[in-house]
Amino acid sequence: MALSDLQIRKVEKAATEFLKEKRPPPDIRHKIDLGYRIEGQNVFVFEIFPLFNNPSKKIETPSAKGIYVKGHDHWKVYWMRGNLKWDRFGPVPTVKTISDFFELVNEDKHGCFFG
């Protein structure tokens, strides 16, 4: 199930606010940056780095994932573990809105999303 057009607009608005606050300064974004992607009912937040042996290529390292659950009208929150598997975010496993999701990721008070 994909997100509705209205939900996509809400994600884009919340993501824009998140990136405005969380992205590194423009002069170092060629070394590290942040991005997001919508896939179906999932929203991914990732860091962007140049490939160490080929700086002209970029790689994405996932940091956070939100999954919209229509039946409960909430978002499940996941973080990427060191073993490269998604794990539910124990302190706050669900949030009501996508804005709450981005706020939680931005706060990162447990150091799970960005270390």
PDB file of N, CA and C in Angstrom:
ATOM      1  N   MET A   1       0.840  -1.181   0.000  1.00  0.00           N
ATOM      2  CA  MET A   1       0.000   0.000   0.000  1.00  0.00           C
ATOM      3  C   MET A   1       0.883   1.241   0.000  1.00  0.00           C
ATOM      4  N   ALA A   2       0.643   2.120  -0.910  1.00  0.00           N
ATOM      5  CA  ALA A   2       1.397   3.372  -0.986  1.00  0.00           C
ATOM      6  C   ALA A   2       0.678   4.454  -0.186  1.00  0.00           C
ATOM      7  N   LEU A   3       1.422   5.481   0.151  1.00  0.00           N
ATOM      8  CA  LEU A   3       0.833   6.625   0.844  1.00  0.00           C
ATOM      9  C   LEU A   3      -0.067   7.403  -0.112  1.00  0.00           C
ATOM     10  N   SER A   4      -1.066   8.056   0.433  1.00  0.00           N
ATOM     11  CA  SER A   4      -1.943   8.904  -0.381  1.00  0.00           C
ATOM     12  C   SER A   4      -1.190  10.179  -0.760  1.00  0.00           C
ATOM     13  N   ASP A   5      -1.734  10.920  -1.710  1.00  0.00           N
ATOM     14  CA  ASP A   5      -1.105  12.186  -2.117  1.00  0.00           C
ATOM     15  C   ASP A   5      -1.012  13.157  -0.945  1.00  0.00           C
ATOM     16  N   LEU A   6      -2.047  13.201  -0.124  1.00  0.00           N
ATOM     17  CA  LEU A   6      -2.027  14.080   1.048  1.00  0.00           C
ATOM     18  C   LEU A   6      -0.924  13.658   2.027  1.00  0.00           C
ATOM     19  N   GLN A   7      -0.804  12.360   2.266  1.00  0.00           N
ATOM     20  CA  GLN A   7       0.245  11.873   3.164  1.00  0.00           C
ATOM     21  C   GLN A   7       1.632  12.166   2.601  1.00  0.00           C
ATOM     22  N   ILE A   8       1.798  12.021   1.307  1.00  0.00           N
ATOM     23  CA  ILE A   8       3.082  12.320   0.675  1.00  0.00           C
ATOM     24  C   ILE A   8       3.434  13.796   0.863  1.00  0.00           C
ATOM     25  N   ARG A   9       2.463  14.672   0.697  1.00  0.00           N
ATOM     26  CA  ARG A   9       2.715  16.104   0.917  1.00  0.00           C
ATOM     27  C   ARG A   9       3.109  16.369   2.374  1.00  0.00           C
ATOM     28  N   LYS A  10       2.468  15.678   3.306  1.00  0.00           N
ATOM     29  CA  LYS A  10       2.827  15.832   4.726  1.00  0.00           C
ATOM     30  C   LYS A  10       4.253  15.345   4.984  1.00  0.00           C
ATOM     31  N   VAL A  11       4.622  14.228   4.373  1.00  0.00           N
ATOM     32  CA  VAL A  11       5.987  13.710   4.516  1.00  0.00           C
ATOM     33  C   VAL A  11       6.979  14.717   3.944  1.00  0.00           C
ATOM     34  N   GLU A  12       6.697  15.218   2.744  1.00  0.00           N
ATOM     35  CA  GLU A  12       7.613  16.167   2.108  1.00  0.00           C
ATOM     36  C   GLU A  12       7.776  17.437   2.938  1.00  0.00           C
ATOM     37  N   LYS A  13       6.687  17.921   3.502  1.00  0.00           N
ATOM     38  CA  LYS A  13       6.758  19.129   4.335  1.00  0.00           C
ATOM     39  C   LYS A  13       7.588  18.870   5.593  1.00  0.00           C
ATOM     40  N   ALA A  14       7.305  17.763   6.281  1.00  0.00           N
ATOM     41  CA  ALA A  14       8.042  17.429   7.510  1.00  0.00           C
ATOM     42  C   ALA A  14       9.512  17.154   7.200  1.00  0.00           C
ATOM     43  N   ALA A  15       9.782  16.470   6.095  1.00  0.00           N
ATOM     44  CA  ALA A  15      11.167  16.166   5.719  1.00  0.00           C
ATOM     45  C   ALA A  15      11.936  17.441   5.381  1.00  0.00           C
ATOM     46  N   THR A  16      11.279  18.377   4.714  1.00  0.00           N
ATOM     47  CA  THR A  16      11.920  19.647   4.381  1.00  0.00           C
ATOM     48  C   THR A  16      12.321  20.389   5.649  1.00  0.00           C
ATOM     49  N   GLU A  17      11.443  20.424   6.625  1.00  0.00           N
ATOM     50  CA  GLU A  17      11.753  21.075   7.911  1.00  0.00           C
ATOM     51  C   GLU A  17      12.897  20.356   8.625  1.00  0.00           C
ATOM     52  N   PHE A  18      12.858  19.032   8.617  1.00  0.00           N
ATOM     53  CA  PHE A  18      13.911  18.228   9.230  1.00  0.00           C
ATOM     54  C   PHE A  18      15.256  18.517   8.583  1.00  0.00           C
ATOM     55  N   LEU A  19      15.289  18.477   7.256  1.00  0.00           N
ATOM     56  CA  LEU A  19      16.544  18.700   6.543  1.00  0.00           C
ATOM     57  C   LEU A  19      17.063  20.125   6.733  1.00  0.00           C
ATOM     58  N   LYS A  20      16.150  21.085   6.810  1.00  0.00           N
ATOM     59  CA  LYS A  20      16.554  22.472   7.028  1.00  0.00           C
ATOM     60  C   LYS A  20      17.326  22.602   8.341  1.00  0.00           C
ATOM     61  N   GLU A  21      16.902  21.852   9.337  1.00  0.00           N
ATOM     62  CA  GLU A  21      17.524  21.939  10.661  1.00  0.00           C
ATOM     63  C   GLU A  21      18.725  21.010  10.810  1.00  0.00           C
ATOM     64  N   LYS A  22      18.674  19.829  10.204  1.00  0.00           N
ATOM     65  CA  LYS A  22      19.647  18.771  10.490  1.00  0.00           C
ATOM     66  C   LYS A  22      20.796  18.663   9.475  1.00  0.00           C
ATOM     67  N   ARG A  23      20.580  19.140   8.243  1.00  0.00           N
ATOM     68  CA  ARG A  23      21.630  18.984   7.231  1.00  0.00           C
ATOM     69  C   ARG A  23      22.898  19.722   7.641  1.00  0.00           C
ATOM     70  N   PRO A  24      24.048  19.198   7.247  1.00  0.00           N
ATOM     71  CA  PRO A  24      25.295  19.908   7.524  1.00  0.00           C
ATOM     72  C   PRO A  24      25.373  21.205   6.714  1.00  0.00           C
ATOM     73  N   PRO A  25      26.296  22.097   7.070  1.00  0.00           N
ATOM     74  CA  PRO A  25      26.435  23.350   6.322  1.00  0.00           C
ATOM     75  C   PRO A  25      26.749  23.079   4.842  1.00  0.00           C
ATOM     76  N   PRO A  26      26.317  23.974   3.958  1.00  0.00           N
ATOM     77  CA  PRO A  26      26.506  23.755   2.516  1.00  0.00           C
ATOM     78  C   PRO A  26      27.954  23.488   2.101  1.00  0.00           C
ATOM     79  N   ASP A  27      28.914  24.091   2.792  1.00  0.00           N
ATOM     80  CA  ASP A  27      30.307  23.934   2.367  1.00  0.00           C
ATOM     81  C   ASP A  27      30.891  22.548   2.648  1.00  0.00           C
ATOM     82  N   ILE A  28      30.203  21.700   3.434  1.00  0.00           N
ATOM     83  CA  ILE A  28      30.713  20.337   3.648  1.00  0.00           C
ATOM     84  C   ILE A  28      29.765  19.253   3.135  1.00  0.00           C
ATOM     85  N   ARG A  29      28.705  19.651   2.481  1.00  0.00           N
ATOM     86  CA  ARG A  29      27.733  18.652   1.998  1.00  0.00           C
ATOM     87  C   ARG A  29      28.313  17.735   0.928  1.00  0.00           C
ATOM     88  N   HIS A  30      29.409  18.110   0.319  1.00  0.00           N
ATOM     89  CA  HIS A  30      30.046  17.206  -0.641  1.00  0.00           C
ATOM     90  C   HIS A  30      30.753  16.053   0.087  1.00  0.00           C
ATOM     91  N   LYS A  31      30.972  16.208   1.420  1.00  0.00           N
ATOM     92  CA  LYS A  31      31.602  15.163   2.221  1.00  0.00           C
ATOM     93  C   LYS A  31      30.588  14.343   3.010  1.00  0.00           C
ATOM     94  N   ILE A  32      29.527  14.984   3.466  1.00  0.00           N
ATOM     95  CA  ILE A  32      28.458  14.297   4.197  1.00  0.00           C
ATOM     96  C   ILE A  32      27.177  15.105   4.039  1.00  0.00           C
ATOM     97  N   ASP A  33      26.093  14.407   3.801  1.00  0.00           N
ATOM     98  CA  ASP A  33      24.803  15.068   3.639  1.00  0.00           C
ATOM     99  C   ASP A  33      23.721  14.128   4.145  1.00  0.00           C
ATOM    100  N   LEU A  34      22.513  14.634   4.182  1.00  0.00           N
ATOM    101  CA  LEU A  34      21.352  13.839   4.585  1.00  0.00           C
ATOM    102  C   LEU A  34      20.312  13.862   3.486  1.00  0.00           C
ATOM    103  N   GLY A  35      19.520  12.819   3.427  1.00  0.00           N
ATOM    104  CA  GLY A  35      18.423  12.766   2.472  1.00  0.00           C
ATOM    105  C   GLY A  35      17.300  11.891   3.006  1.00  0.00           C
ATOM    106  N   TYR A  36      16.235  11.826   2.242  1.00  0.00           N
ATOM    107  CA  TYR A  36      15.118  10.954   2.595  1.00  0.00           C
ATOM    108  C   TYR A  36      14.509  10.408   1.317  1.00  0.00           C
ATOM    109  N   ARG A  37      13.776   9.339   1.463  1.00  0.00           N
ATOM    110  CA  ARG A  37      13.117   8.710   0.319  1.00  0.00           C
ATOM    111  C   ARG A  37      11.809   8.112   0.797  1.00  0.00           C
ATOM    112  N   ILE A  38      10.802   8.192  -0.063  1.00  0.00           N
ATOM    113  CA  ILE A  38       9.514   7.552   0.198  1.00  0.00           C
ATOM    114  C   ILE A  38       9.426   6.330  -0.709  1.00  0.00           C
ATOM    115  N   GLU A  39       9.140   5.183  -0.112  1.00  0.00           N
ATOM    116  CA  GLU A  39       8.941   3.941  -0.878  1.00  0.00           C
ATOM    117  C   GLU A  39       7.697   3.254  -0.328  1.00  0.00           C
ATOM    118  N   GLY A  40       6.637   3.269  -1.105  1.00  0.00           N
ATOM    119  CA  GLY A  40       5.389   2.661  -0.638  1.00  0.00           C
ATOM    120  C   GLY A  40       4.881   3.393   0.587  1.00  0.00           C
ATOM    121  N   GLN A  41       4.750   2.680   1.703  1.00  0.00           N
ATOM    122  CA  GLN A  41       4.309   3.302   2.954  1.00  0.00           C
ATOM    123  C   GLN A  41       5.501   3.545   3.891  1.00  0.00           C
ATOM    124  N   ASN A  42       6.714   3.442   3.359  1.00  0.00           N
ATOM    125  CA  ASN A  42       7.933   3.620   4.141  1.00  0.00           C
ATOM    126  C   ASN A  42       8.592   4.959   3.833  1.00  0.00           C
ATOM    127  N   VAL A  43       9.181   5.553   4.873  1.00  0.00           N
ATOM    128  CA  VAL A  43      10.004   6.758   4.717  1.00  0.00           C
ATOM    129  C   VAL A  43      11.368   6.420   5.299  1.00  0.00           C
ATOM    130  N   PHE A  44      12.406   6.601   4.493  1.00  0.00           N
ATOM    131  CA  PHE A  44      13.770   6.322   4.918  1.00  0.00           C
ATOM    132  C   PHE A  44      14.537   7.624   5.063  1.00  0.00           C
ATOM    133  N   VAL A  45      15.359   7.713   6.105  1.00  0.00           N
ATOM    134  CA  VAL A  45      16.297   8.820   6.291  1.00  0.00           C
ATOM    135  C   VAL A  45      17.685   8.203   6.170  1.00  0.00           C
ATOM    136  N   PHE A  46      18.565   8.847   5.408  1.00  0.00           N
ATOM    137  CA  PHE A  46      19.892   8.281   5.195  1.00  0.00           C
ATOM    138  C   PHE A  46      20.949   9.373   5.115  1.00  0.00           C
ATOM    139  N   GLU A  47      22.177   8.972   5.423  1.00  0.00           N
ATOM    140  CA  GLU A  47      23.334   9.841   5.256  1.00  0.00           C
ATOM    141  C   GLU A  47      23.938   9.555   3.887  1.00  0.00           C
ATOM    142  N   ILE A  48      24.517  10.574   3.276  1.00  0.00           N
ATOM    143  CA  ILE A  48      25.110  10.449   1.944  1.00  0.00           C
ATOM    144  C   ILE A  48      26.594  10.789   2.058  1.00  0.00           C
ATOM    145  N   PHE A  49      27.435   9.861   1.586  1.00  0.00           N
ATOM    146  CA  PHE A  49      28.888  10.039   1.622  1.00  0.00           C
ATOM    147  C   PHE A  49      29.469   9.752   0.242  1.00  0.00           C
ATOM    148  N   PRO A  50      30.627  10.350  -0.073  1.00  0.00           N
ATOM    149  CA  PRO A  50      31.332   9.907  -1.277  1.00  0.00           C
ATOM    150  C   PRO A  50      31.979   8.543  -0.993  1.00  0.00           C
ATOM    151  N   LEU A  51      32.030   7.712  -1.987  1.00  0.00           N
ATOM    152  CA  LEU A  51      32.689   6.419  -1.869  1.00  0.00           C
ATOM    153  C   LEU A  51      34.173   6.663  -1.627  1.00  0.00           C
ATOM    154  N   PHE A  52      34.758   5.992  -0.633  1.00  0.00           N
ATOM    155  CA  PHE A  52      36.120   6.327  -0.214  1.00  0.00           C
ATOM    156  C   PHE A  52      37.154   6.162  -1.328  1.00  0.00           C
ATOM    157  N   ASN A  53      36.991   5.172  -2.202  1.00  0.00           N
ATOM    158  CA  ASN A  53      37.976   4.962  -3.260  1.00  0.00           C
ATOM    159  C   ASN A  53      37.545   5.528  -4.619  1.00  0.00           C
ATOM    160  N   ASN A  54      36.357   6.157  -4.645  1.00  0.00           N
ATOM    161  CA  ASN A  54      35.872   6.803  -5.865  1.00  0.00           C
ATOM    162  C   ASN A  54      34.928   7.936  -5.457  1.00  0.00           C
ATOM    163  N   PRO A  55      35.486   9.087  -5.065  1.00  0.00           N
ATOM    164  CA  PRO A  55      34.666  10.183  -4.537  1.00  0.00           C
ATOM    165  C   PRO A  55      33.605  10.724  -5.494  1.00  0.00           C
ATOM    166  N   SER A  56      33.688  10.381  -6.761  1.00  0.00           N
ATOM    167  CA  SER A  56      32.663  10.850  -7.688  1.00  0.00           C
ATOM    168  C   SER A  56      31.356  10.060  -7.524  1.00  0.00           C
ATOM    169  N   LYS A  57      31.416   8.927  -6.850  1.00  0.00           N
ATOM    170  CA  LYS A  57      30.220   8.129  -6.583  1.00  0.00           C
ATOM    171  C   LYS A  57      29.775   8.355  -5.139  1.00  0.00           C
ATOM    172  N   LYS A  58      28.468   8.370  -4.924  1.00  0.00           N
ATOM    173  CA  LYS A  58      27.897   8.580  -3.597  1.00  0.00           C
ATOM    174  C   LYS A  58      27.273   7.286  -3.087  1.00  0.00           C
ATOM    175  N   ILE A  59      27.359   7.096  -1.778  1.00  0.00           N
ATOM    176  CA  ILE A  59      26.684   5.961  -1.147  1.00  0.00           C
ATOM    177  C   ILE A  59      25.725   6.495  -0.084  1.00  0.00           C
ATOM    178  N   GLU A  60      24.690   5.740   0.166  1.00  0.00           N
ATOM    179  CA  GLU A  60      23.690   6.111   1.170  1.00  0.00           C
ATOM    180  C   GLU A  60      23.741   5.106   2.314  1.00  0.00           C
ATOM    181  N   THR A  61      23.799   5.633   3.524  1.00  0.00           N
ATOM    182  CA  THR A  61      23.792   4.803   4.724  1.00  0.00           C
ATOM    183  C   THR A  61      22.495   5.067   5.470  1.00  0.00           C
ATOM    184  N   PRO A  62      21.589   4.074   5.519  1.00  0.00           N
ATOM    185  CA  PRO A  62      20.306   4.279   6.190  1.00  0.00           C
ATOM    186  C   PRO A  62      20.468   4.555   7.677  1.00  0.00           C
ATOM    187  N   SER A  63      19.633   5.449   8.198  1.00  0.00           N
ATOM    188  CA  SER A  63      19.673   5.813   9.610  1.00  0.00           C
ATOM    189  C   SER A  63      18.361   5.525  10.325  1.00  0.00           C
ATOM    190  N   ALA A  64      17.249   5.831   9.660  1.00  0.00           N
ATOM    191  CA  ALA A  64      15.934   5.699  10.292  1.00  0.00           C
ATOM    192  C   ALA A  64      14.906   5.302   9.243  1.00  0.00           C
ATOM    193  N   LYS A  65      13.863   4.609   9.722  1.00  0.00           N
ATOM    194  CA  LYS A  65      12.767   4.219   8.832  1.00  0.00           C
ATOM    195  C   LYS A  65      11.462   4.385   9.588  1.00  0.00           C
ATOM    196  N   GLY A  66      10.498   4.982   8.917  1.00  0.00           N
ATOM    197  CA  GLY A  66       9.147   5.077   9.439  1.00  0.00           C
ATOM    198  C   GLY A  66       8.215   4.303   8.529  1.00  0.00           C
ATOM    199  N   ILE A  67       7.364   3.478   9.112  1.00  0.00           N
ATOM    200  CA  ILE A  67       6.386   2.706   8.337  1.00  0.00           C
ATOM    201  C   ILE A  67       4.995   3.136   8.771  1.00  0.00           C
ATOM    202  N   TYR A  68       4.220   3.630   7.810  1.00  0.00           N
ATOM    203  CA  TYR A  68       2.854   4.058   8.118  1.00  0.00           C
ATOM    204  C   TYR A  68       1.948   2.838   8.213  1.00  0.00           C
ATOM    205  N   VAL A  69       1.184   2.761   9.309  1.00  0.00           N
ATOM    206  CA  VAL A  69       0.218   1.684   9.527  1.00  0.00           C
ATOM    207  C   VAL A  69      -1.165   2.318   9.455  1.00  0.00           C
ATOM    208  N   LYS A  70      -1.813   2.142   8.317  1.00  0.00           N
ATOM    209  CA  LYS A  70      -3.096   2.795   8.077  1.00  0.00           C
ATOM    210  C   LYS A  70      -4.159   2.365   9.083  1.00  0.00           C
ATOM    211  N   GLY A  71      -4.215   1.082   9.408  1.00  0.00           N
ATOM    212  CA  GLY A  71      -5.235   0.572  10.320  1.00  0.00           C
ATOM    213  C   GLY A  71      -5.189   1.192  11.710  1.00  0.00           C
ATOM    214  N   HIS A  72      -4.013   1.634  12.124  1.00  0.00           N
ATOM    215  CA  HIS A  72      -3.852   2.255  13.439  1.00  0.00           C
ATOM    216  C   HIS A  72      -3.561   3.753  13.335  1.00  0.00           C
ATOM    217  N   ASP A  73      -3.394   4.224  12.101  1.00  0.00           N
ATOM    218  CA  ASP A  73      -3.105   5.635  11.841  1.00  0.00           C
ATOM    219  C   ASP A  73      -1.920   6.124  12.690  1.00  0.00           C
ATOM    220  N   HIS A  74      -0.825   5.359  12.610  1.00  0.00           N
ATOM    221  CA  HIS A  74       0.402   5.789  13.266  1.00  0.00           C
ATOM    222  C   HIS A  74       1.611   5.319  12.449  1.00  0.00           C
ATOM    223  N   TRP A  75       2.782   5.745  12.872  1.00  0.00           N
ATOM    224  CA  TRP A  75       4.036   5.397  12.212  1.00  0.00           C
ATOM    225  C   TRP A  75       4.868   4.534  13.147  1.00  0.00           C
ATOM    226  N   LYS A  76       5.333   3.383  12.668  1.00  0.00           N
ATOM    227  CA  LYS A  76       6.293   2.569  13.405  1.00  0.00           C
ATOM    228  C   LYS A  76       7.679   3.161  13.147  1.00  0.00           C
ATOM    229  N   VAL A  77       8.496   3.175  14.179  1.00  0.00           N
ATOM    230  CA  VAL A  77       9.827   3.775  14.088  1.00  0.00           C
ATOM    231  C   VAL A  77      10.895   2.679  14.175  1.00  0.00           C
ATOM    232  N   TYR A  78      11.849   2.713  13.241  1.00  0.00           N
ATOM    233  CA  TYR A  78      12.934   1.745  13.188  1.00  0.00           C
ATOM    234  C   TYR A  78      14.275   2.471  13.088  1.00  0.00           C
ATOM    235  N   TRP A  79      15.323   1.807  13.558  1.00  0.00           N
ATOM    236  CA  TRP A  79      16.686   2.311  13.398  1.00  0.00           C
ATOM    237  C   TRP A  79      17.549   1.183  12.847  1.00  0.00           C
ATOM    238  N   MET A  80      18.627   1.556  12.156  1.00  0.00           N
ATOM    239  CA  MET A  80      19.518   0.580  11.541  1.00  0.00           C
ATOM    240  C   MET A  80      20.598   0.181  12.544  1.00  0.00           C
ATOM    241  N   ARG A  81      20.614  -1.085  12.891  1.00  0.00           N
ATOM    242  CA  ARG A  81      21.610  -1.609  13.836  1.00  0.00           C
ATOM    243  C   ARG A  81      22.959  -1.797  13.135  1.00  0.00           C
ATOM    244  N   GLY A  82      23.981  -2.042  13.908  1.00  0.00           N
ATOM    245  CA  GLY A  82      25.318  -2.286  13.360  1.00  0.00           C
ATOM    246  C   GLY A  82      25.385  -3.526  12.487  1.00  0.00           C
ATOM    247  N   ASN A  83      24.442  -4.460  12.678  1.00  0.00           N
ATOM    248  CA  ASN A  83      24.413  -5.670  11.846  1.00  0.00           C
ATOM    249  C   ASN A  83      23.637  -5.445  10.545  1.00  0.00           C
ATOM    250  N   LEU A  84      23.302  -4.181  10.274  1.00  0.00           N
ATOM    251  CA  LEU A  84      22.587  -3.758   9.051  1.00  0.00           C
ATOM    252  C   LEU A  84      21.162  -4.306   8.960  1.00  0.00           C
ATOM    253  N   LYS A  85      20.553  -4.550  10.105  1.00  0.00           N
ATOM    254  CA  LYS A  85      19.148  -4.963  10.146  1.00  0.00           C
ATOM    255  C   LYS A  85      18.342  -3.883  10.846  1.00  0.00           C
ATOM    256  N   TRP A  86      17.120  -3.691  10.362  1.00  0.00           N
ATOM    257  CA  TRP A  86      16.227  -2.716  10.989  1.00  0.00           C
ATOM    258  C   TRP A  86      15.695  -3.287  12.289  1.00  0.00           C
ATOM    259  N   ASP A  87      15.651  -2.438  13.314  1.00  0.00           N
ATOM    260  CA  ASP A  87      15.141  -2.839  14.619  1.00  0.00           C
ATOM    261  C   ASP A  87      14.156  -1.779  15.088  1.00  0.00           C
ATOM    262  N   ARG A  88      13.078  -2.219  15.735  1.00  0.00           N
ATOM    263  CA  ARG A  88      12.115  -1.245  16.293  1.00  0.00           C
ATOM    264  C   ARG A  88      12.836  -0.367  17.293  1.00  0.00           C
ATOM    265  N   PHE A  89      12.505   0.888  17.294  1.00  0.00           N
ATOM    266  CA  PHE A  89      13.104   1.841  18.216  1.00  0.00           C
ATOM    267  C   PHE A  89      12.412   1.683  19.562  1.00  0.00           C
ATOM    268  N   GLY A  90      13.037   0.975  20.487  1.00  0.00           N
ATOM    269  CA  GLY A  90      12.447   0.609  21.769  1.00  0.00           C
ATOM    270  C   GLY A  90      11.887   1.752  22.592  1.00  0.00           C
ATOM    271  N   PRO A  91      12.629   2.863  22.752  1.00  0.00           N
ATOM    272  CA  PRO A  91      12.103   3.936  23.600  1.00  0.00           C
ATOM    273  C   PRO A  91      10.786   4.532  23.098  1.00  0.00           C
ATOM    274  N   VAL A  92      10.627   4.627  21.782  1.00  0.00           N
ATOM    275  CA  VAL A  92       9.393   5.180  21.193  1.00  0.00           C
ATOM    276  C   VAL A  92       9.088   4.364  19.932  1.00  0.00           C
ATOM    277  N   PRO A  93       8.422   3.216  20.062  1.00  0.00           N
ATOM    278  CA  PRO A  93       8.214   2.344  18.899  1.00  0.00           C
ATOM    279  C   PRO A  93       7.213   2.864  17.870  1.00  0.00           C
ATOM    280  N   THR A  94       6.310   3.757  18.289  1.00  0.00           N
ATOM    281  CA  THR A  94       5.362   4.347  17.343  1.00  0.00           C
ATOM    282  C   THR A  94       5.179   5.826  17.665  1.00  0.00           C
ATOM    283  N   VAL A  95       4.832   6.575  16.622  1.00  0.00           N
ATOM    284  CA  VAL A  95       4.477   7.987  16.776  1.00  0.00           C
ATOM    285  C   VAL A  95       3.205   8.239  15.985  1.00  0.00           C
ATOM    286  N   LYS A  96       2.495   9.277  16.351  1.00  0.00           N
ATOM    287  CA  LYS A  96       1.202   9.556  15.723  1.00  0.00           C
ATOM    288  C   LYS A  96       1.342  10.180  14.331  1.00  0.00           C
ATOM    289  N   THR A  97       2.316  11.083  14.159  1.00  0.00           N
ATOM    290  CA  THR A  97       2.422  11.804  12.879  1.00  0.00           C
ATOM    291  C   THR A  97       3.827  11.685  12.297  1.00  0.00           C
ATOM    292  N   ILE A  98       3.940  11.974  11.025  1.00  0.00           N
ATOM    293  CA  ILE A  98       5.249  11.956  10.376  1.00  0.00           C
ATOM    294  C   ILE A  98       6.122  13.076  10.924  1.00  0.00           C
ATOM    295  N   SER A  99       5.531  14.176  11.334  1.00  0.00           N
ATOM    296  CA  SER A  99       6.308  15.247  11.965  1.00  0.00           C
ATOM    297  C   SER A  99       6.929  14.757  13.269  1.00  0.00           C
ATOM    298  N   ASP A 100       6.163  13.960  14.027  1.00  0.00           N
ATOM    299  CA  ASP A 100       6.695  13.373  15.260  1.00  0.00           C
ATOM    300  C   ASP A 100       7.874  12.446  14.955  1.00  0.00           C
ATOM    301  N   PHE A 101       7.774  11.707  13.856  1.00  0.00           N
ATOM    302  CA  PHE A 101       8.857  10.810  13.440  1.00  0.00           C
ATOM    303  C   PHE A 101      10.133  11.613  13.182  1.00  0.00           C
ATOM    304  N   PHE A 102      10.029  12.656  12.361  1.00  0.00           N
ATOM    305  CA  PHE A 102      11.219  13.447  12.044  1.00  0.00           C
ATOM    306  C   PHE A 102      11.760  14.174  13.279  1.00  0.00           C
ATOM    307  N   GLU A 103      10.881  14.601  14.155  1.00  0.00           N
ATOM    308  CA  GLU A 103      11.328  15.249  15.390  1.00  0.00           C
ATOM    309  C   GLU A 103      12.116  14.261  16.261  1.00  0.00           C
ATOM    310  N   LEU A 104      11.637  13.037  16.358  1.00  0.00           N
ATOM    311  CA  LEU A 104      12.307  11.996  17.121  1.00  0.00           C
ATOM    312  C   LEU A 104      13.688  11.686  16.532  1.00  0.00           C
ATOM    313  N   VAL A 105      13.747  11.555  15.224  1.00  0.00           N
ATOM    314  CA  VAL A 105      15.018  11.274  14.550  1.00  0.00           C
ATOM    315  C   VAL A 105      15.984  12.441  14.734  1.00  0.00           C
ATOM    316  N   ASN A 106      15.495  13.649  14.604  1.00  0.00           N
ATOM    317  CA  ASN A 106      16.334  14.828  14.770  1.00  0.00           C
ATOM    318  C   ASN A 106      16.894  14.911  16.188  1.00  0.00           C
ATOM    319  N   GLU A 107      16.045  14.636  17.172  1.00  0.00           N
ATOM    320  CA  GLU A 107      16.468  14.700  18.574  1.00  0.00           C
ATOM    321  C   GLU A 107      17.534  13.646  18.868  1.00  0.00           C
ATOM    322  N   ASP A 108      17.324  12.423  18.431  1.00  0.00           N
ATOM    323  CA  ASP A 108      18.280  11.315  18.566  1.00  0.00           C
ATOM    324  C   ASP A 108      18.943  11.261  19.941  1.00  0.00           C
ATOM    325  N   LYS A 109      18.160  11.391  20.990  1.00  0.00           N
ATOM    326  CA  LYS A 109      18.749  11.462  22.318  1.00  0.00           C
ATOM    327  C   LYS A 109      19.352  10.155  22.809  1.00  0.00           C
ATOM    328  N   HIS A 110      19.085   9.048  22.129  1.00  0.00           N
ATOM    329  CA  HIS A 110      19.700   7.761  22.492  1.00  0.00           C
ATOM    330  C   HIS A 110      20.867   7.408  21.571  1.00  0.00           C
ATOM    331  N   GLY A 111      21.145   8.264  20.595  1.00  0.00           N
ATOM    332  CA  GLY A 111      22.273   8.022  19.691  1.00  0.00           C
ATOM    333  C   GLY A 111      22.097   6.832  18.770  1.00  0.00           C
ATOM    334  N   CYS A 112      20.873   6.461  18.476  1.00  0.00           N
ATOM    335  CA  CYS A 112      20.619   5.300  17.621  1.00  0.00           C
ATOM    336  C   CYS A 112      20.606   5.655  16.131  1.00  0.00           C
ATOM    337  N   PHE A 113      20.125   6.818  15.783  1.00  0.00           N
ATOM    338  CA  PHE A 113      19.960   7.158  14.377  1.00  0.00           C
ATOM    339  C   PHE A 113      21.250   7.677  13.743  1.00  0.00           C
ATOM    340  N   PHE A 114      21.990   8.487  14.472  1.00  0.00           N
ATOM    341  CA  PHE A 114      23.201   9.080  13.908  1.00  0.00           C
ATOM    342  C   PHE A 114      24.428   8.858  14.792  1.00  0.00           C
ATOM    343  N   GLY A 115      24.311   8.009  15.803  1.00  0.00           N
ATOM    344  CA  GLY A 115      25.455   7.678  16.650  1.00  0.00           C
ATOM    345  C   GLY A 115      25.779   8.694  17.586  1.00  0.00           C
TER     346      GLY A 115
END
